[in-house]
Amino acid sequence: MNIDTKELGQFKAFIWDFYAQNRRDFPWRNTQDPYAIVVSEIMLQQTQTHRVCDKYLAFIDRFPDFQTLAASSLYDILSAWH
């Protein structure tokens, strides 16, 4: 397959322009924290975005890092997850 670099550049520009005009602001887009990103990815795989927005910050607040999450009981984690 031969990829035309000019067309590829135009496609990338189109996608970035669309994103710039239509992006939705989510808390997980404003972090570089790997843990927070992992939590958001797992939550987003399991339910709809608007539902994740409601739970994400509360979950991160309660379990702020891998160590806290690992030290917590399954009951506490599942209670916060639901």
Protein backbone atom coordinates (compact mmCIF):
# COMPACT_ATOMS: atom_id res chain seq x y z
CA MET A 1 0.00 0.00 0.00
CA ASN A 2 1.39 3.38 -1.00
CA ILE A 3 0.40 6.26 1.28
CA ASP A 4 0.34 9.75 -0.16
CA THR A 5 2.00 11.93 2.49
CA LYS A 6 0.18 15.06 1.31
CA GLU A 7 -3.21 13.37 1.67
CA LEU A 8 -2.18 11.98 5.04
CA GLY A 9 -1.21 15.48 6.21
CA GLN A 10 -4.55 16.86 5.01
CA PHE A 11 -6.42 14.10 6.81
CA LYS A 12 -4.51 14.76 10.06
CA ALA A 13 -5.24 18.48 9.80
CA PHE A 14 -8.94 17.76 9.21
CA ILE A 15 -9.13 15.48 12.27
CA TRP A 16 -7.29 17.96 14.52
CA ASP A 17 -9.49 20.84 13.33
CA PHE A 18 -12.62 18.81 14.01
CA TYR A 19 -11.34 17.92 17.48
CA ALA A 20 -10.44 21.55 18.24
CA GLN A 21 -13.95 22.69 17.34
CA ASN A 22 -15.94 19.82 18.88
CA ARG A 23 -13.93 18.41 21.77
CA ARG A 24 -15.62 17.80 25.08
CA ASP A 25 -13.75 18.71 28.23
CA PHE A 26 -13.24 15.75 30.55
CA PRO A 27 -11.12 15.67 33.73
CA TRP A 28 -8.99 12.78 32.45
CA ARG A 29 -7.90 14.88 29.48
CA ASN A 30 -6.27 17.37 31.84
CA THR A 31 -3.84 15.01 33.54
CA GLN A 32 -0.55 13.31 32.84
CA ASP A 33 -0.99 10.96 35.82
CA PRO A 34 -0.78 7.37 34.50
CA TYR A 35 -2.99 6.06 37.33
CA ALA A 36 -5.77 8.56 36.62
CA ILE A 37 -5.60 7.74 32.92
CA VAL A 38 -5.79 3.99 33.58
CA VAL A 39 -8.82 4.49 35.83
CA SER A 40 -10.58 6.58 33.18
CA GLU A 41 -9.82 4.02 30.45
CA ILE A 42 -11.23 1.16 32.51
CA MET A 43 -14.32 3.15 33.46
CA LEU A 44 -14.88 4.25 29.86
CA GLN A 45 -14.76 0.65 28.66
CA GLN A 46 -17.55 -0.29 31.03
CA THR A 47 -20.11 2.47 30.66
CA GLN A 48 -21.11 5.69 28.93
CA THR A 49 -19.01 8.84 29.11
CA HIS A 50 -21.58 10.92 30.99
CA ARG A 51 -21.75 8.26 33.70
CA VAL A 52 -17.98 8.16 34.03
CA CYS A 53 -17.92 11.94 34.53
CA ASP A 54 -20.11 11.54 37.60
CA LYS A 55 -17.96 8.84 39.21
CA TYR A 56 -14.41 9.48 38.00
CA LEU A 57 -13.44 12.39 40.26
CA ALA A 58 -15.03 10.79 43.32
CA PHE A 59 -13.17 7.54 42.65
CA ILE A 60 -9.83 9.32 42.13
CA ASP A 61 -10.43 11.36 45.28
CA ARG A 62 -11.12 8.24 47.32
CA PHE A 63 -8.38 6.08 45.73
CA PRO A 64 -5.74 8.60 44.53
CA ASP A 65 -3.04 6.11 43.50
CA PHE A 66 -2.25 2.46 42.86
CA GLN A 67 -0.98 1.97 46.43
CA THR A 68 -4.20 3.25 48.00
CA LEU A 69 -6.28 1.17 45.62
CA ALA A 70 -4.23 -1.97 46.34
CA ALA A 71 -4.51 -1.45 50.10
CA SER A 72 -8.30 -1.02 49.96
CA SER A 73 -10.84 -3.75 50.43
CA LEU A 74 -12.69 -5.16 47.45
CA TYR A 75 -15.93 -4.12 49.13
CA ASP A 76 -14.81 -0.47 49.35
CA ILE A 77 -13.63 -0.45 45.74
CA LEU A 78 -16.79 -2.02 44.37
CA SER A 79 -18.96 0.29 46.48
CA ALA A 80 -17.22 3.31 44.99
CA TRP A 81 -17.31 1.81 41.49
CA HIS A 82 -21.07 1.30 41.49
